[in-house]
């Protein structure tokens, strides 16, 4: 029933789990992925979901939904990560689904300056529409390129202008893809559930994740 409802709403459903329907548990994080068409965002999602780079299907669905069960810490409850791969453009009418976001990845291709400009439009729109403190991460795909078409100083300026984090990764090689999604999921999780942390050790982990260190904390994620 759940899968049929998703299809009726124009949502393509993918999952790396054996069970085609993953029930949302008590804790869940909605992670939206936006960016210019062909910047590789769907390839990033597929690489994270199934560790595969080939055969990404591009269709007319409003978005594609992928669900995975993750932990922020071994001793914390499982949480369902719902990844919404959006086809929308920043100039399109505001999609109310984005109001349910717990975190957002804004993707661009390091080989495409125009996709970087689109990413900045998304950042401006999201920061103006979404609640203060929403975890938003700028992600540069195609990090395997030796001679990117975008100067890193321009990326640095964008991170300062919008006060966000930046991660470079590669859907093609898989480099930093898992880190990208796990870190963004973690920031969304700890902001959403930080009031439920019940001891000092957990709060220390939350504080470090929420600072946007752009690096995995060994043994804690």
N, C-alpha and C. Protein backbone atom coordinates (compact mmCIF):
# COMPACT_ATOMS: atom_id res chain seq x y z
N UNK A 1 0.83 -1.20 0.00
CA UNK A 1 0.00 0.00 0.00
C UNK A 1 0.87 1.25 0.00
N UNK A 2 1.90 1.27 0.86
CA UNK A 2 2.78 2.44 0.94
C UNK A 2 3.48 2.69 -0.39
N UNK A 3 3.98 1.61 -1.00
CA UNK A 3 4.67 1.74 -2.27
C UNK A 3 3.75 2.28 -3.36
N UNK A 4 2.49 1.80 -3.38
CA UNK A 4 1.53 2.27 -4.39
C UNK A 4 1.21 3.75 -4.19
N UNK A 5 1.10 4.19 -2.95
CA UNK A 5 0.84 5.61 -2.67
C UNK A 5 1.99 6.47 -3.18
N UNK A 6 3.23 6.00 -2.97
CA UNK A 6 4.38 6.74 -3.45
C UNK A 6 4.35 6.87 -4.97
N UNK A 7 4.01 5.77 -5.65
CA UNK A 7 3.96 5.80 -7.11
C UNK A 7 2.89 6.77 -7.61
N UNK A 8 1.75 6.80 -6.95
CA UNK A 8 0.67 7.69 -7.37
C UNK A 8 1.08 9.15 -7.23
N UNK A 9 1.97 9.45 -6.31
CA UNK A 9 2.41 10.82 -6.10
C UNK A 9 3.59 11.19 -7.01
N UNK A 10 3.93 10.32 -7.94
CA UNK A 10 5.02 10.61 -8.87
C UNK A 10 6.39 10.43 -8.26
N UNK A 11 6.50 9.56 -7.25
CA UNK A 11 7.77 9.34 -6.56
C UNK A 11 8.30 7.97 -6.94
N UNK A 12 9.51 7.92 -7.47
CA UNK A 12 10.17 6.65 -7.76
C UNK A 12 10.83 6.16 -6.48
N UNK A 13 10.59 4.89 -6.13
CA UNK A 13 11.03 4.36 -4.85
C UNK A 13 12.16 3.36 -5.07
N UNK A 14 13.27 3.57 -4.37
CA UNK A 14 14.41 2.67 -4.46
C UNK A 14 14.85 2.31 -3.04
N UNK A 15 15.36 1.11 -2.85
CA UNK A 15 15.89 0.74 -1.54
C UNK A 15 16.94 -0.35 -1.69
N UNK A 16 17.96 -0.28 -0.85
CA UNK A 16 18.99 -1.31 -0.84
C UNK A 16 18.66 -2.43 0.12
N UNK A 17 17.52 -2.37 0.79
CA UNK A 17 17.14 -3.37 1.76
C UNK A 17 16.42 -4.53 1.08
N UNK A 18 16.39 -5.69 1.75
CA UNK A 18 15.68 -6.85 1.22
C UNK A 18 14.18 -6.59 1.14
N UNK A 19 13.62 -6.04 2.20
CA UNK A 19 12.20 -5.72 2.24
C UNK A 19 11.94 -4.46 1.41
N UNK A 20 11.07 -4.52 0.38
CA UNK A 20 10.85 -3.34 -0.46
C UNK A 20 10.19 -2.19 0.27
N UNK A 21 9.54 -2.46 1.40
CA UNK A 21 8.92 -1.42 2.19
C UNK A 21 9.62 -1.34 3.54
N UNK A 22 10.23 -0.20 3.83
CA UNK A 22 10.87 0.01 5.12
C UNK A 22 9.99 0.93 5.93
N UNK A 23 9.49 0.44 7.03
CA UNK A 23 8.60 1.24 7.86
C UNK A 23 9.40 2.29 8.62
N UNK A 24 8.90 3.51 8.61
CA UNK A 24 9.53 4.58 9.38
C UNK A 24 9.41 4.25 10.86
N UNK A 25 10.53 4.24 11.56
CA UNK A 25 10.53 3.96 12.99
C UNK A 25 10.21 5.21 13.78
N UNK A 26 10.52 5.17 15.05
CA UNK A 26 10.25 6.31 15.91
C UNK A 26 11.12 7.49 15.53
N UNK A 27 12.27 7.23 14.91
CA UNK A 27 13.16 8.31 14.53
C UNK A 27 13.46 8.24 13.04
N UNK A 28 13.40 9.37 12.38
CA UNK A 28 13.68 9.41 10.96
C UNK A 28 14.18 10.78 10.55
N UNK A 29 14.99 10.81 9.51
CA UNK A 29 15.56 12.06 8.99
C UNK A 29 15.24 12.17 7.51
N UNK A 30 14.60 13.26 7.12
CA UNK A 30 14.33 13.54 5.71
C UNK A 30 15.46 14.39 5.15
N UNK A 31 16.22 13.81 4.24
CA UNK A 31 17.35 14.50 3.61
C UNK A 31 17.00 14.76 2.15
N UNK A 32 16.91 16.03 1.78
CA UNK A 32 16.60 16.40 0.40
C UNK A 32 17.88 16.73 -0.35
N UNK A 33 17.96 16.28 -1.62
CA UNK A 33 19.12 16.53 -2.48
C UNK A 33 18.64 17.35 -3.67
N UNK A 34 19.23 18.53 -3.85
CA UNK A 34 18.83 19.41 -4.94
C UNK A 34 20.07 19.82 -5.74
N UNK A 35 19.84 20.29 -6.95
CA UNK A 35 20.94 20.72 -7.80
C UNK A 35 20.54 20.68 -9.26
N UNK A 36 21.40 21.22 -10.09
CA UNK A 36 21.12 21.27 -11.52
C UNK A 36 21.06 19.86 -12.11
N UNK A 37 20.20 19.69 -13.11
CA UNK A 37 20.12 18.42 -13.82
C UNK A 37 21.49 18.05 -14.39
N UNK A 38 21.83 16.79 -14.29
CA UNK A 38 23.09 16.23 -14.82
C UNK A 38 24.33 16.65 -14.03
N UNK A 39 24.12 17.16 -12.82
CA UNK A 39 25.31 17.46 -12.00
C UNK A 39 25.81 16.22 -11.28
N UNK A 40 25.04 15.13 -11.35
CA UNK A 40 25.47 13.87 -10.75
C UNK A 40 24.84 13.57 -9.40
N UNK A 41 23.83 14.32 -9.00
CA UNK A 41 23.25 14.08 -7.68
C UNK A 41 22.56 12.71 -7.60
N UNK A 42 21.89 12.29 -8.66
CA UNK A 42 21.26 10.97 -8.64
C UNK A 42 22.30 9.86 -8.59
N UNK A 43 23.43 10.10 -9.24
CA UNK A 43 24.53 9.12 -9.18
C UNK A 43 25.12 9.04 -7.78
N UNK A 44 25.16 10.17 -7.08
CA UNK A 44 25.64 10.16 -5.69
C UNK A 44 24.72 9.33 -4.82
N UNK A 45 23.40 9.52 -4.99
CA UNK A 45 22.44 8.76 -4.20
C UNK A 45 22.57 7.27 -4.49
N UNK A 46 22.72 6.91 -5.75
CA UNK A 46 22.82 5.49 -6.10
C UNK A 46 24.12 4.90 -5.57
N UNK A 47 25.20 5.66 -5.65
CA UNK A 47 26.48 5.17 -5.11
C UNK A 47 26.36 4.90 -3.62
N UNK A 48 25.71 5.81 -2.89
CA UNK A 48 25.54 5.63 -1.46
C UNK A 48 24.60 4.46 -1.15
N UNK A 49 23.55 4.33 -1.93
CA UNK A 49 22.54 3.31 -1.65
C UNK A 49 23.04 1.91 -1.98
N UNK A 50 23.68 1.74 -3.14
CA UNK A 50 24.02 0.40 -3.60
C UNK A 50 25.48 0.25 -4.01
N UNK A 51 26.30 1.28 -3.77
CA UNK A 51 27.71 1.27 -4.15
C UNK A 51 27.87 0.94 -5.63
N UNK A 52 27.03 1.57 -6.44
CA UNK A 52 27.04 1.33 -7.87
C UNK A 52 27.02 2.68 -8.59
N UNK A 53 27.72 2.77 -9.70
CA UNK A 53 27.78 4.02 -10.45
C UNK A 53 27.04 3.95 -11.77
N UNK A 54 26.80 2.75 -12.28
CA UNK A 54 26.23 2.60 -13.62
C UNK A 54 24.71 2.56 -13.60
N UNK A 55 24.14 2.93 -14.72
CA UNK A 55 22.72 2.70 -14.95
C UNK A 55 21.77 3.57 -14.16
N UNK A 56 22.14 4.82 -13.88
CA UNK A 56 21.20 5.71 -13.19
C UNK A 56 20.09 6.08 -14.16
N UNK A 57 18.87 5.83 -13.74
CA UNK A 57 17.71 6.10 -14.61
C UNK A 57 17.21 7.52 -14.37
N UNK A 58 17.11 8.28 -15.43
CA UNK A 58 16.56 9.63 -15.34
C UNK A 58 15.12 9.59 -15.85
N UNK A 59 14.20 9.99 -14.99
CA UNK A 59 12.79 9.95 -15.38
C UNK A 59 12.13 11.27 -15.02
N UNK A 60 10.84 11.34 -15.27
CA UNK A 60 10.12 12.61 -15.09
C UNK A 60 9.50 12.74 -13.71
N UNK A 61 9.81 11.82 -12.80
CA UNK A 61 9.23 11.89 -11.46
C UNK A 61 9.67 13.17 -10.76
N UNK A 62 8.78 13.69 -9.91
CA UNK A 62 9.10 14.90 -9.17
C UNK A 62 10.29 14.69 -8.25
N UNK A 63 10.40 13.49 -7.71
CA UNK A 63 11.55 13.16 -6.88
C UNK A 63 11.68 11.66 -6.77
N UNK A 64 12.83 11.21 -6.29
CA UNK A 64 13.09 9.80 -6.10
C UNK A 64 13.39 9.58 -4.62
N UNK A 65 12.77 8.56 -4.03
CA UNK A 65 12.93 8.31 -2.60
C UNK A 65 13.75 7.06 -2.35
N UNK A 66 14.78 7.19 -1.54
CA UNK A 66 15.60 6.07 -1.11
C UNK A 66 15.62 6.05 0.41
N UNK A 67 15.43 4.89 1.02
CA UNK A 67 15.44 4.80 2.47
C UNK A 67 16.52 3.82 2.94
N UNK A 68 17.21 4.19 3.99
CA UNK A 68 18.21 3.33 4.60
C UNK A 68 18.13 3.49 6.11
N UNK A 69 18.49 2.43 6.83
CA UNK A 69 18.52 2.49 8.29
C UNK A 69 19.96 2.73 8.74
N UNK A 70 20.17 3.79 9.53
CA UNK A 70 21.51 4.18 9.96
C UNK A 70 21.52 4.45 11.45
N UNK A 71 22.73 4.49 11.99
CA UNK A 71 22.93 4.87 13.39
C UNK A 71 23.87 6.07 13.45
N UNK A 72 23.59 6.99 14.37
CA UNK A 72 24.55 8.05 14.65
C UNK A 72 25.63 7.52 15.59
N UNK A 73 25.21 6.71 16.56
CA UNK A 73 26.12 6.04 17.48
C UNK A 73 25.62 4.62 17.69
N UNK A 74 26.55 3.72 18.03
CA UNK A 74 26.18 2.33 18.23
C UNK A 74 25.13 2.19 19.32
N UNK A 75 25.23 3.03 20.37
CA UNK A 75 24.33 2.90 21.51
C UNK A 75 23.07 3.75 21.36
N UNK A 76 22.86 4.35 20.19
CA UNK A 76 21.64 5.13 19.96
C UNK A 76 20.68 4.31 19.10
N UNK A 77 19.38 4.63 19.14
CA UNK A 77 18.41 3.88 18.33
C UNK A 77 18.68 4.05 16.83
N UNK A 78 18.27 3.03 16.07
CA UNK A 78 18.32 3.16 14.61
C UNK A 78 17.43 4.31 14.17
N UNK A 79 17.82 4.96 13.08
CA UNK A 79 16.99 6.00 12.48
C UNK A 79 16.90 5.72 10.99
N UNK A 80 15.75 6.01 10.42
CA UNK A 80 15.57 5.83 8.99
C UNK A 80 15.97 7.11 8.26
N UNK A 81 16.90 6.98 7.33
CA UNK A 81 17.28 8.10 6.48
C UNK A 81 16.47 8.02 5.20
N UNK A 82 15.63 9.00 4.96
CA UNK A 82 14.85 9.08 3.72
C UNK A 82 15.50 10.14 2.84
N UNK A 83 16.06 9.71 1.71
CA UNK A 83 16.76 10.62 0.78
C UNK A 83 15.81 10.96 -0.36
N UNK A 84 15.48 12.24 -0.46
CA UNK A 84 14.57 12.72 -1.51
C UNK A 84 15.39 13.43 -2.59
N UNK A 85 15.53 12.77 -3.74
CA UNK A 85 16.30 13.29 -4.87
C UNK A 85 15.36 14.13 -5.74
N UNK A 86 15.45 15.45 -5.62
CA UNK A 86 14.50 16.36 -6.25
C UNK A 86 14.93 16.75 -7.67
N UNK A 87 13.94 16.89 -8.55
CA UNK A 87 14.21 17.37 -9.90
C UNK A 87 13.91 18.86 -10.05
N UNK A 88 13.44 19.49 -9.00
CA UNK A 88 13.02 20.89 -9.07
C UNK A 88 14.18 21.83 -9.36
N UNK A 89 13.84 23.00 -9.91
CA UNK A 89 14.79 24.08 -10.14
C UNK A 89 14.51 25.20 -9.14
N UNK A 90 15.52 26.01 -8.81
CA UNK A 90 15.28 27.05 -7.81
C UNK A 90 14.23 28.08 -8.23
N UNK A 91 14.02 28.24 -9.54
CA UNK A 91 13.02 29.21 -10.01
C UNK A 91 11.61 28.61 -10.06
N UNK A 92 11.48 27.31 -9.82
CA UNK A 92 10.16 26.68 -9.79
C UNK A 92 9.38 27.14 -8.56
N UNK A 93 8.05 27.01 -8.59
CA UNK A 93 7.27 27.29 -7.37
C UNK A 93 7.79 26.46 -6.20
N UNK A 94 7.76 27.03 -5.03
CA UNK A 94 8.27 26.35 -3.83
C UNK A 94 7.52 25.04 -3.61
N UNK A 95 8.27 23.95 -3.44
CA UNK A 95 7.67 22.64 -3.20
C UNK A 95 7.42 22.47 -1.70
N UNK A 96 6.16 22.35 -1.27
CA UNK A 96 5.87 22.24 0.16
C UNK A 96 6.55 21.06 0.84
N UNK A 97 6.94 20.05 0.04
CA UNK A 97 7.63 18.90 0.64
C UNK A 97 8.91 19.32 1.33
N UNK A 98 9.54 20.38 0.81
CA UNK A 98 10.80 20.84 1.41
C UNK A 98 10.61 21.36 2.83
N UNK A 99 9.39 21.69 3.19
CA UNK A 99 9.13 22.14 4.55
C UNK A 99 9.32 21.02 5.57
N UNK A 100 9.33 19.77 5.09
CA UNK A 100 9.52 18.60 5.96
C UNK A 100 10.99 18.20 6.07
N UNK A 101 11.88 18.94 5.41
CA UNK A 101 13.29 18.57 5.40
C UNK A 101 13.92 18.71 6.78
N UNK A 102 14.79 17.76 7.12
CA UNK A 102 15.62 17.85 8.32
C UNK A 102 17.05 18.24 7.96
N UNK A 103 17.41 18.08 6.69
CA UNK A 103 18.73 18.46 6.18
C UNK A 103 18.65 18.51 4.66
N UNK A 104 19.55 19.28 4.04
CA UNK A 104 19.55 19.42 2.59
C UNK A 104 20.99 19.35 2.07
N UNK A 105 21.18 18.59 1.00
CA UNK A 105 22.42 18.60 0.24
C UNK A 105 22.18 19.39 -1.04
N UNK A 106 22.99 20.40 -1.27
CA UNK A 106 22.95 21.18 -2.50
C UNK A 106 24.14 20.77 -3.34
N UNK A 107 23.87 20.13 -4.47
CA UNK A 107 24.92 19.50 -5.26
C UNK A 107 25.24 20.30 -6.53
N UNK A 108 26.50 20.28 -6.92
CA UNK A 108 26.92 20.82 -8.22
C UNK A 108 28.06 19.97 -8.75
N UNK A 109 28.33 20.09 -10.04
CA UNK A 109 29.42 19.36 -10.66
C UNK A 109 30.66 20.24 -10.77
N UNK A 110 31.79 19.72 -10.35
CA UNK A 110 33.03 20.49 -10.41
C UNK A 110 33.50 20.75 -11.83
N UNK A 111 32.83 20.13 -12.81
CA UNK A 111 33.15 20.35 -14.22
C UNK A 111 32.20 21.34 -14.88
N UNK A 112 31.25 21.89 -14.11
CA UNK A 112 30.18 22.68 -14.70
C UNK A 112 29.95 23.97 -13.90
N UNK A 113 30.55 25.09 -14.31
CA UNK A 113 30.36 26.36 -13.59
C UNK A 113 28.91 26.77 -13.48
N UNK A 114 28.10 26.45 -14.49
CA UNK A 114 26.69 26.82 -14.44
C UNK A 114 25.97 26.09 -13.30
N UNK A 115 26.35 24.84 -13.05
CA UNK A 115 25.73 24.10 -11.95
C UNK A 115 26.10 24.71 -10.61
N UNK A 116 27.28 25.33 -10.53
CA UNK A 116 27.68 26.01 -9.30
C UNK A 116 26.83 27.26 -9.09
N UNK A 117 26.52 27.97 -10.17
CA UNK A 117 25.66 29.14 -10.05
C UNK A 117 24.24 28.73 -9.62
N UNK A 118 23.76 27.61 -10.16
CA UNK A 118 22.45 27.10 -9.77
C UNK A 118 22.46 26.72 -8.29
N UNK A 119 23.57 26.11 -7.85
CA UNK A 119 23.69 25.73 -6.44
C UNK A 119 23.61 26.95 -5.53
N UNK A 120 24.22 28.05 -5.94
CA UNK A 120 24.16 29.28 -5.13
C UNK A 120 22.74 29.84 -5.09
N UNK A 121 22.02 29.70 -6.20
CA UNK A 121 20.61 30.12 -6.20
C UNK A 121 19.80 29.28 -5.21
N UNK A 122 20.09 27.97 -5.18
CA UNK A 122 19.41 27.09 -4.24
C UNK A 122 19.74 27.50 -2.80
N UNK A 123 20.99 27.80 -2.54
CA UNK A 123 21.40 28.18 -1.18
C UNK A 123 20.67 29.44 -0.74
N UNK A 124 20.61 30.42 -1.61
CA UNK A 124 19.92 31.66 -1.28
C UNK A 124 18.44 31.41 -1.00
N UNK A 125 17.82 30.56 -1.83
CA UNK A 125 16.40 30.25 -1.67
C UNK A 125 16.15 29.49 -0.37
N UNK A 126 16.94 28.47 -0.12
CA UNK A 126 16.74 27.62 1.05
C UNK A 126 16.94 28.41 2.34
N UNK A 127 17.98 29.21 2.38
CA UNK A 127 18.26 29.97 3.60
C UNK A 127 17.18 31.02 3.87
N UNK A 128 16.50 31.45 2.81
CA UNK A 128 15.42 32.41 3.00
C UNK A 128 14.09 31.77 3.35
N UNK A 129 13.93 30.49 3.00
CA UNK A 129 12.64 29.83 3.18
C UNK A 129 12.60 28.89 4.38
N UNK A 130 13.74 28.31 4.73
CA UNK A 130 13.74 27.26 5.73
C UNK A 130 14.06 27.81 7.11
N UNK A 131 13.80 27.00 8.11
CA UNK A 131 13.97 27.45 9.49
C UNK A 131 15.44 27.72 9.79
N UNK A 132 15.73 28.65 10.67
CA UNK A 132 17.12 28.95 11.04
C UNK A 132 17.81 27.71 11.60
N UNK A 133 19.05 27.53 11.20
CA UNK A 133 19.82 26.40 11.71
C UNK A 133 19.65 25.12 10.93
N UNK A 134 18.84 25.14 9.88
CA UNK A 134 18.67 23.94 9.06
C UNK A 134 20.03 23.48 8.51
N UNK A 135 20.43 22.22 8.73
CA UNK A 135 21.70 21.74 8.17
C UNK A 135 21.65 21.72 6.64
N UNK A 136 22.47 22.54 6.01
CA UNK A 136 22.58 22.58 4.56
C UNK A 136 24.04 22.41 4.19
N UNK A 137 24.34 21.44 3.35
CA UNK A 137 25.72 21.14 2.97
C UNK A 137 25.88 21.31 1.47
N UNK A 138 26.90 22.05 1.06
CA UNK A 138 27.23 22.22 -0.35
C UNK A 138 28.16 21.09 -0.76
N UNK A 139 27.79 20.35 -1.80
CA UNK A 139 28.55 19.17 -2.21
C UNK A 139 29.01 19.33 -3.66
N UNK A 140 30.32 19.23 -3.86
CA UNK A 140 30.89 19.26 -5.19
C UNK A 140 31.16 17.85 -5.68
N UNK A 141 30.39 17.40 -6.67
CA UNK A 141 30.56 16.06 -7.24
C UNK A 141 31.64 16.10 -8.34
N UNK A 142 32.08 14.92 -8.73
CA UNK A 142 33.13 14.73 -9.75
C UNK A 142 34.48 15.18 -9.20
N UNK A 143 34.71 14.85 -7.93
CA UNK A 143 35.96 15.20 -7.27
C UNK A 143 37.16 14.49 -7.82
N UNK A 144 36.96 13.51 -8.71
CA UNK A 144 38.09 12.80 -9.31
C UNK A 144 38.80 13.63 -10.38
N UNK A 145 38.20 14.73 -10.79
CA UNK A 145 38.79 15.56 -11.85
C UNK A 145 40.07 16.22 -11.37
N UNK A 146 41.12 16.11 -12.17
CA UNK A 146 42.40 16.73 -11.82
C UNK A 146 42.40 18.22 -12.11
N UNK A 147 41.56 18.65 -13.05
CA UNK A 147 41.52 20.06 -13.43
C UNK A 147 40.07 20.55 -13.43
N UNK A 148 39.48 20.78 -12.26
CA UNK A 148 38.08 21.19 -12.20
C UNK A 148 37.86 22.55 -12.86
N UNK A 149 36.64 22.77 -13.31
CA UNK A 149 36.32 24.02 -14.02
C UNK A 149 35.93 25.14 -13.06
N UNK A 150 35.89 24.85 -11.79
CA UNK A 150 35.50 25.84 -10.78
C UNK A 150 36.66 26.06 -9.81
N UNK A 151 37.00 27.32 -9.57
CA UNK A 151 38.09 27.64 -8.66
C UNK A 151 37.66 27.40 -7.21
N UNK A 152 38.53 26.76 -6.45
CA UNK A 152 38.17 26.46 -5.07
C UNK A 152 38.03 27.73 -4.23
N UNK A 153 38.68 28.80 -4.62
CA UNK A 153 38.51 30.05 -3.90
C UNK A 153 37.07 30.54 -4.02
N UNK A 154 36.43 30.28 -5.18
CA UNK A 154 35.03 30.68 -5.36
C UNK A 154 34.11 29.83 -4.48
N UNK A 155 34.46 28.54 -4.34
CA UNK A 155 33.68 27.67 -3.45
C UNK A 155 33.84 28.14 -2.01
N UNK A 156 35.07 28.47 -1.64
CA UNK A 156 35.34 28.96 -0.28
C UNK A 156 34.53 30.23 0.01
N UNK A 157 34.49 31.13 -0.95
CA UNK A 157 33.72 32.37 -0.76
C UNK A 157 32.23 32.07 -0.58
N UNK A 158 31.73 31.07 -1.32
CA UNK A 158 30.32 30.71 -1.18
C UNK A 158 30.03 30.15 0.21
N UNK A 159 30.94 29.33 0.73
CA UNK A 159 30.72 28.76 2.07
C UNK A 159 30.70 29.87 3.12
N UNK A 160 31.52 30.89 2.92
CA UNK A 160 31.53 32.01 3.87
C UNK A 160 30.29 32.89 3.70
N UNK A 161 29.91 33.11 2.45
CA UNK A 161 28.74 33.95 2.19
C UNK A 161 27.48 33.35 2.81
N UNK A 162 27.31 32.02 2.67
CA UNK A 162 26.09 31.37 3.13
C UNK A 162 26.27 30.67 4.48
N UNK A 163 27.49 30.69 5.01
CA UNK A 163 27.78 30.09 6.32
C UNK A 163 27.40 28.61 6.35
N UNK A 164 27.94 27.86 5.39
CA UNK A 164 27.64 26.44 5.27
C UNK A 164 28.93 25.65 5.11
N UNK A 165 28.81 24.32 5.17
CA UNK A 165 29.95 23.44 4.96
C UNK A 165 30.02 22.98 3.51
N UNK A 166 31.22 22.59 3.08
CA UNK A 166 31.44 22.08 1.74
C UNK A 166 32.15 20.73 1.82
N UNK A 167 31.70 19.78 1.00
CA UNK A 167 32.37 18.48 0.89
C UNK A 167 32.57 18.17 -0.59
N UNK A 168 33.77 17.76 -0.93
CA UNK A 168 34.06 17.31 -2.29
C UNK A 168 34.02 15.78 -2.31
N UNK A 169 33.30 15.23 -3.28
CA UNK A 169 33.21 13.77 -3.37
C UNK A 169 33.12 13.35 -4.82
N UNK A 170 33.04 12.05 -5.05
CA UNK A 170 32.99 11.53 -6.41
C UNK A 170 32.06 10.34 -6.49
N UNK A 171 30.95 10.50 -7.23
CA UNK A 171 30.06 9.37 -7.45
C UNK A 171 30.76 8.30 -8.28
N UNK A 172 31.65 8.71 -9.16
CA UNK A 172 32.34 7.77 -10.05
C UNK A 172 33.25 6.83 -9.29
N UNK A 173 34.06 7.36 -8.38
CA UNK A 173 35.01 6.53 -7.63
C UNK A 173 34.47 6.11 -6.27
N UNK A 174 33.44 6.81 -5.79
CA UNK A 174 32.91 6.53 -4.47
C UNK A 174 33.58 7.30 -3.35
N UNK A 175 34.61 8.07 -3.69
CA UNK A 175 35.36 8.79 -2.67
C UNK A 175 34.48 9.80 -1.93
N UNK A 176 34.44 9.69 -0.62
CA UNK A 176 33.74 10.60 0.30
C UNK A 176 32.21 10.61 0.14
N UNK A 177 31.66 9.70 -0.65
CA UNK A 177 30.20 9.68 -0.82
C UNK A 177 29.51 9.27 0.47
N UNK A 178 29.99 8.19 1.08
CA UNK A 178 29.39 7.75 2.34
C UNK A 178 29.53 8.82 3.41
N UNK A 179 30.72 9.42 3.50
CA UNK A 179 30.93 10.50 4.46
C UNK A 179 29.93 11.63 4.25
N UNK A 180 29.69 11.98 2.99
CA UNK A 180 28.79 13.07 2.67
C UNK A 180 27.39 12.83 3.23
N UNK A 181 26.85 11.64 2.97
CA UNK A 181 25.49 11.36 3.41
C UNK A 181 25.41 11.09 4.91
N UNK A 182 26.39 10.38 5.46
CA UNK A 182 26.34 10.07 6.89
C UNK A 182 26.51 11.34 7.72
N UNK A 183 27.41 12.22 7.31
CA UNK A 183 27.60 13.45 8.06
C UNK A 183 26.36 14.36 7.99
N UNK A 184 25.78 14.48 6.79
CA UNK A 184 24.61 15.33 6.66
C UNK A 184 23.43 14.73 7.43
N UNK A 185 23.27 13.41 7.33
CA UNK A 185 22.26 12.71 8.13
C UNK A 185 22.48 12.97 9.62
N UNK A 186 23.73 12.89 10.06
CA UNK A 186 24.04 13.07 11.48
C UNK A 186 23.70 14.47 11.96
N UNK A 187 24.01 15.47 11.14
CA UNK A 187 23.67 16.84 11.53
C UNK A 187 22.16 17.03 11.62
N UNK A 188 21.43 16.46 10.64
CA UNK A 188 19.98 16.54 10.71
C UNK A 188 19.42 15.80 11.91
N UNK A 189 20.00 14.65 12.20
CA UNK A 189 19.54 13.82 13.33
C UNK A 189 19.75 14.53 14.66
N UNK A 190 20.96 15.03 14.86
CA UNK A 190 21.24 15.60 16.18
C UNK A 190 20.48 16.90 16.42
N UNK A 191 20.21 17.64 15.35
CA UNK A 191 19.41 18.84 15.55
C UNK A 191 17.96 18.47 15.87
N UNK A 192 17.45 17.47 15.18
CA UNK A 192 16.06 17.07 15.36
C UNK A 192 15.82 16.43 16.72
N UNK A 193 16.82 15.66 17.20
CA UNK A 193 16.62 14.88 18.42
C UNK A 193 17.53 15.29 19.56
N UNK A 194 18.21 16.42 19.45
CA UNK A 194 19.19 16.77 20.47
C UNK A 194 18.56 16.99 21.84
N UNK A 195 17.28 17.38 21.87
CA UNK A 195 16.63 17.58 23.16
C UNK A 195 16.41 16.27 23.89
N UNK A 196 16.51 15.14 23.16
CA UNK A 196 16.29 13.84 23.77
C UNK A 196 17.59 13.21 24.27
N UNK A 197 18.73 13.86 24.03
CA UNK A 197 20.01 13.33 24.53
C UNK A 197 19.96 13.31 26.05
N UNK A 198 20.40 12.20 26.63
CA UNK A 198 20.17 12.05 28.06
C UNK A 198 21.45 11.93 28.89
N UNK A 199 22.61 12.21 28.28
CA UNK A 199 23.81 12.24 29.10
C UNK A 199 24.86 13.14 28.47
N UNK A 200 25.87 13.51 29.26
CA UNK A 200 26.88 14.46 28.81
C UNK A 200 27.66 13.95 27.62
N UNK A 201 27.97 12.65 27.58
CA UNK A 201 28.76 12.09 26.49
C UNK A 201 28.02 12.27 25.16
N UNK A 202 26.71 12.02 25.14
CA UNK A 202 25.94 12.20 23.92
C UNK A 202 25.93 13.67 23.50
N UNK A 203 25.80 14.58 24.46
CA UNK A 203 25.77 15.98 24.13
C UNK A 203 27.10 16.45 23.55
N UNK A 204 28.21 15.87 24.01
CA UNK A 204 29.51 16.22 23.45
C UNK A 204 29.60 15.81 21.99
N UNK A 205 29.08 14.61 21.68
CA UNK A 205 29.06 14.15 20.29
C UNK A 205 28.21 15.09 19.44
N UNK A 206 27.03 15.45 19.96
CA UNK A 206 26.14 16.36 19.25
C UNK A 206 26.83 17.68 18.97
N UNK A 207 27.47 18.25 19.97
CA UNK A 207 28.13 19.55 19.81
C UNK A 207 29.19 19.49 18.72
N UNK A 208 29.98 18.41 18.70
CA UNK A 208 31.05 18.31 17.71
C UNK A 208 30.49 18.12 16.31
N UNK A 209 29.44 17.30 16.17
CA UNK A 209 28.82 17.11 14.86
C UNK A 209 28.20 18.41 14.36
N UNK A 210 27.55 19.13 15.26
CA UNK A 210 26.80 20.32 14.87
C UNK A 210 27.72 21.48 14.51
N UNK A 211 29.00 21.41 14.88
CA UNK A 211 29.94 22.47 14.54
C UNK A 211 30.31 22.44 13.06
N UNK A 212 29.95 21.36 12.36
CA UNK A 212 30.25 21.29 10.93
C UNK A 212 31.73 21.11 10.67
N UNK A 213 32.32 20.04 11.27
CA UNK A 213 33.76 19.84 11.15
C UNK A 213 34.17 19.27 9.80
N UNK A 214 33.18 18.76 9.02
CA UNK A 214 33.47 18.18 7.71
C UNK A 214 34.40 16.98 7.78
N UNK A 215 34.38 16.27 8.91
CA UNK A 215 35.17 15.04 8.98
C UNK A 215 34.47 14.05 9.88
N UNK A 216 34.61 12.79 9.60
CA UNK A 216 33.97 11.76 10.38
C UNK A 216 34.66 11.64 11.73
N UNK A 217 33.87 11.51 12.80
CA UNK A 217 34.43 11.31 14.13
C UNK A 217 34.59 9.82 14.35
N UNK A 218 35.83 9.35 14.38
CA UNK A 218 36.12 7.92 14.44
C UNK A 218 35.44 7.30 15.65
N UNK A 219 34.75 6.19 15.36
CA UNK A 219 34.12 5.42 16.41
C UNK A 219 32.81 5.99 16.92
N UNK A 220 32.38 7.13 16.41
CA UNK A 220 31.17 7.75 16.92
C UNK A 220 30.07 7.83 15.89
N UNK A 221 30.43 7.61 14.62
CA UNK A 221 29.41 7.57 13.57
C UNK A 221 29.47 6.19 12.93
